[in-house]
Amino acid sequence: MRKKNGVTERTLWGSGSPQREFLYAPDVADATVFALENAAKFENQHYNIGSGDELSIKELALTLAKVIGWEGELK
C-alpha cells in the first residue's frame, strides 16, 4: 500500500538488528507430522524445526522493498 499511496519513507521500530527465521508452512506441517509419528524417539527431548537461516528485520524490510519495487527510504 505504501508504494501505491506514494509514501516515500517508512520508519522501522528498533534497530532492525534482531534476527528471525522464516519457515515455509508446509515444511512445518511435514516436520510436525514426522515428530508425531516418531514421538517415542523424541520422548523428553527438544525437537527443533528451525531452518537455521536467520535474517535481520532490516534485511527483511530491504528485501521486501526491493521485491515490490518501492524506492522510498527506510529509517
N, C-alpha and C. Protein backbone atom coordinates (compact mmCIF):
# COMPACT_ATOMS: atom_id res chain seq x y z
N MET A 1 0.81 -1.20 0.00
CA MET A 1 0.00 0.00 0.00
C MET A 1 0.85 1.27 0.00
N ARG A 2 1.99 1.22 0.64
CA ARG A 2 2.80 2.42 0.71
C ARG A 2 3.30 2.82 -0.68
N LYS A 3 3.66 1.83 -1.49
CA LYS A 3 4.09 2.14 -2.85
C LYS A 3 2.93 2.74 -3.63
N LYS A 4 1.78 2.12 -3.51
CA LYS A 4 0.59 2.55 -4.23
C LYS A 4 0.16 3.96 -3.80
N ASN A 5 0.32 4.28 -2.51
CA ASN A 5 -0.11 5.57 -1.98
C ASN A 5 0.95 6.66 -2.10
N GLY A 6 2.10 6.35 -2.68
CA GLY A 6 3.14 7.35 -2.88
C GLY A 6 3.95 7.69 -1.65
N VAL A 7 3.95 6.84 -0.64
CA VAL A 7 4.73 7.09 0.57
C VAL A 7 6.21 6.97 0.23
N THR A 8 7.01 7.97 0.65
CA THR A 8 8.43 7.99 0.28
C THR A 8 9.36 7.57 1.40
N GLU A 9 8.84 7.41 2.61
CA GLU A 9 9.69 6.93 3.70
C GLU A 9 8.87 6.09 4.67
N ARG A 10 9.58 5.22 5.36
CA ARG A 10 8.95 4.34 6.34
C ARG A 10 9.91 4.17 7.50
N THR A 11 9.41 4.33 8.73
CA THR A 11 10.24 4.17 9.91
C THR A 11 10.03 2.79 10.50
N LEU A 12 11.14 2.06 10.69
CA LEU A 12 11.09 0.76 11.36
C LEU A 12 11.33 0.98 12.84
N TRP A 13 10.64 0.27 13.67
CA TRP A 13 10.85 0.37 15.11
C TRP A 13 12.11 -0.39 15.49
N GLY A 14 12.82 0.11 16.46
CA GLY A 14 14.02 -0.56 16.95
C GLY A 14 15.21 -0.39 16.02
N SER A 15 16.22 -1.20 16.25
CA SER A 15 17.47 -1.08 15.49
C SER A 15 17.44 -1.81 14.16
N GLY A 16 16.51 -2.76 14.02
CA GLY A 16 16.47 -3.57 12.81
C GLY A 16 17.43 -4.74 12.84
N SER A 17 18.19 -4.86 13.93
CA SER A 17 19.21 -5.91 14.00
C SER A 17 18.72 -7.26 14.54
N PRO A 18 17.56 -7.35 15.23
CA PRO A 18 17.12 -8.67 15.69
C PRO A 18 17.00 -9.65 14.52
N GLN A 19 17.38 -10.88 14.77
CA GLN A 19 17.37 -11.92 13.74
C GLN A 19 16.12 -12.79 13.88
N ARG A 20 15.59 -13.22 12.75
CA ARG A 20 14.43 -14.11 12.74
C ARG A 20 14.64 -15.21 11.70
N GLU A 21 14.01 -16.34 11.94
CA GLU A 21 13.99 -17.43 10.97
C GLU A 21 12.59 -17.47 10.36
N PHE A 22 12.51 -17.72 9.08
CA PHE A 22 11.23 -17.84 8.41
C PHE A 22 11.14 -19.23 7.80
N LEU A 23 9.99 -19.85 7.98
CA LEU A 23 9.79 -21.22 7.51
C LEU A 23 8.58 -21.26 6.59
N TYR A 24 8.62 -22.16 5.63
CA TYR A 24 7.52 -22.42 4.73
C TYR A 24 6.51 -23.29 5.49
N ALA A 25 5.26 -22.85 5.56
CA ALA A 25 4.25 -23.52 6.39
C ALA A 25 4.13 -25.03 6.10
N PRO A 26 4.12 -25.46 4.84
CA PRO A 26 4.04 -26.91 4.60
C PRO A 26 5.24 -27.68 5.17
N ASP A 27 6.42 -27.05 5.24
CA ASP A 27 7.57 -27.71 5.86
C ASP A 27 7.35 -27.90 7.35
N VAL A 28 6.74 -26.91 8.00
CA VAL A 28 6.43 -27.03 9.42
C VAL A 28 5.40 -28.14 9.63
N ALA A 29 4.41 -28.21 8.75
CA ALA A 29 3.40 -29.26 8.86
C ALA A 29 4.05 -30.64 8.70
N ASP A 30 4.92 -30.80 7.70
CA ASP A 30 5.61 -32.08 7.50
C ASP A 30 6.45 -32.47 8.71
N ALA A 31 7.16 -31.49 9.27
CA ALA A 31 8.00 -31.76 10.43
C ALA A 31 7.16 -32.13 11.65
N THR A 32 6.00 -31.52 11.77
CA THR A 32 5.10 -31.83 12.89
C THR A 32 4.56 -33.26 12.77
N VAL A 33 4.15 -33.63 11.57
CA VAL A 33 3.67 -35.00 11.35
C VAL A 33 4.79 -36.00 11.64
N PHE A 34 6.00 -35.69 11.17
CA PHE A 34 7.15 -36.56 11.45
C PHE A 34 7.36 -36.72 12.95
N ALA A 35 7.31 -35.60 13.67
CA ALA A 35 7.52 -35.66 15.13
C ALA A 35 6.44 -36.48 15.81
N LEU A 36 5.20 -36.33 15.36
CA LEU A 36 4.11 -37.11 15.97
C LEU A 36 4.25 -38.60 15.67
N GLU A 37 4.65 -38.91 14.45
CA GLU A 37 4.81 -40.32 14.07
C GLU A 37 6.01 -40.97 14.75
N ASN A 38 6.94 -40.16 15.20
CA ASN A 38 8.16 -40.66 15.83
C ASN A 38 8.30 -40.19 17.27
N ALA A 39 7.17 -39.97 17.92
CA ALA A 39 7.15 -39.40 19.27
C ALA A 39 7.99 -40.20 20.26
N ALA A 40 8.00 -41.50 20.13
CA ALA A 40 8.76 -42.34 21.07
C ALA A 40 10.26 -42.03 20.98
N LYS A 41 10.75 -41.71 19.80
CA LYS A 41 12.17 -41.40 19.63
C LYS A 41 12.54 -40.06 20.27
N PHE A 42 11.55 -39.16 20.35
CA PHE A 42 11.82 -37.82 20.85
C PHE A 42 11.35 -37.59 22.28
N GLU A 43 11.00 -38.65 22.98
CA GLU A 43 10.49 -38.51 24.34
C GLU A 43 11.52 -37.80 25.22
N ASN A 44 11.06 -36.76 25.92
CA ASN A 44 11.90 -35.95 26.81
C ASN A 44 13.06 -35.27 26.09
N GLN A 45 12.89 -34.96 24.81
CA GLN A 45 13.91 -34.26 24.04
C GLN A 45 13.28 -33.08 23.31
N HIS A 46 14.10 -32.10 23.04
CA HIS A 46 13.65 -30.97 22.22
C HIS A 46 13.76 -31.35 20.75
N TYR A 47 12.87 -30.83 19.96
CA TYR A 47 12.85 -31.11 18.52
C TYR A 47 12.76 -29.75 17.82
N ASN A 48 13.82 -29.35 17.15
CA ASN A 48 13.88 -28.03 16.52
C ASN A 48 13.47 -28.13 15.06
N ILE A 49 12.50 -27.32 14.68
CA ILE A 49 12.01 -27.30 13.29
C ILE A 49 12.58 -26.09 12.55
N GLY A 50 13.51 -25.38 13.14
CA GLY A 50 14.06 -24.17 12.52
C GLY A 50 14.82 -24.44 11.24
N SER A 51 14.94 -23.40 10.43
CA SER A 51 15.67 -23.50 9.16
C SER A 51 17.17 -23.37 9.35
N GLY A 52 17.56 -22.66 10.41
CA GLY A 52 18.98 -22.40 10.63
C GLY A 52 19.48 -21.17 9.89
N ASP A 53 18.62 -20.59 9.05
CA ASP A 53 18.98 -19.37 8.31
C ASP A 53 18.26 -18.19 8.93
N GLU A 54 19.04 -17.25 9.45
CA GLU A 54 18.45 -16.08 10.09
C GLU A 54 18.58 -14.86 9.19
N LEU A 55 17.63 -13.96 9.34
CA LEU A 55 17.58 -12.73 8.56
C LEU A 55 17.23 -11.60 9.52
N SER A 56 17.95 -10.49 9.44
CA SER A 56 17.62 -9.37 10.33
C SER A 56 16.34 -8.70 9.85
N ILE A 57 15.66 -8.02 10.75
CA ILE A 57 14.44 -7.30 10.41
C ILE A 57 14.75 -6.24 9.34
N LYS A 58 15.90 -5.60 9.46
CA LYS A 58 16.28 -4.60 8.46
C LYS A 58 16.49 -5.24 7.09
N GLU A 59 17.18 -6.40 7.06
CA GLU A 59 17.39 -7.10 5.79
C GLU A 59 16.05 -7.52 5.18
N LEU A 60 15.12 -7.95 6.02
CA LEU A 60 13.80 -8.33 5.54
C LEU A 60 13.09 -7.13 4.92
N ALA A 61 13.11 -6.00 5.63
CA ALA A 61 12.45 -4.80 5.11
C ALA A 61 13.06 -4.36 3.78
N LEU A 62 14.39 -4.39 3.67
CA LEU A 62 15.05 -4.01 2.42
C LEU A 62 14.70 -4.98 1.28
N THR A 63 14.64 -6.26 1.60
CA THR A 63 14.29 -7.26 0.60
C THR A 63 12.86 -7.06 0.11
N LEU A 64 11.94 -6.85 1.04
CA LEU A 64 10.55 -6.63 0.66
C LEU A 64 10.39 -5.37 -0.19
N ALA A 65 11.09 -4.31 0.19
CA ALA A 65 11.03 -3.07 -0.59
C ALA A 65 11.52 -3.32 -2.02
N LYS A 66 12.60 -4.07 -2.16
CA LYS A 66 13.15 -4.38 -3.48
C LYS A 66 12.18 -5.23 -4.30
N VAL A 67 11.59 -6.24 -3.67
CA VAL A 67 10.68 -7.15 -4.37
C VAL A 67 9.46 -6.39 -4.93
N ILE A 68 8.91 -5.46 -4.15
CA ILE A 68 7.74 -4.74 -4.62
C ILE A 68 8.09 -3.49 -5.42
N GLY A 69 9.40 -3.20 -5.51
CA GLY A 69 9.82 -2.05 -6.30
C GLY A 69 9.64 -0.71 -5.61
N TRP A 70 9.57 -0.74 -4.27
CA TRP A 70 9.43 0.52 -3.52
C TRP A 70 10.80 1.14 -3.35
N GLU A 71 10.94 2.40 -3.73
CA GLU A 71 12.22 3.07 -3.67
C GLU A 71 12.30 4.13 -2.58
N GLY A 72 11.42 4.05 -1.61
CA GLY A 72 11.42 5.01 -0.52
C GLY A 72 12.59 4.77 0.42
N GLU A 73 12.63 5.58 1.46
CA GLU A 73 13.72 5.49 2.45
C GLU A 73 13.23 4.78 3.70
N LEU A 74 14.02 3.83 4.17
CA LEU A 74 13.73 3.16 5.45
C LEU A 74 14.54 3.83 6.52
N LYS A 75 13.88 4.26 7.57
CA LYS A 75 14.59 4.92 8.68
C LYS A 75 14.54 4.04 9.89
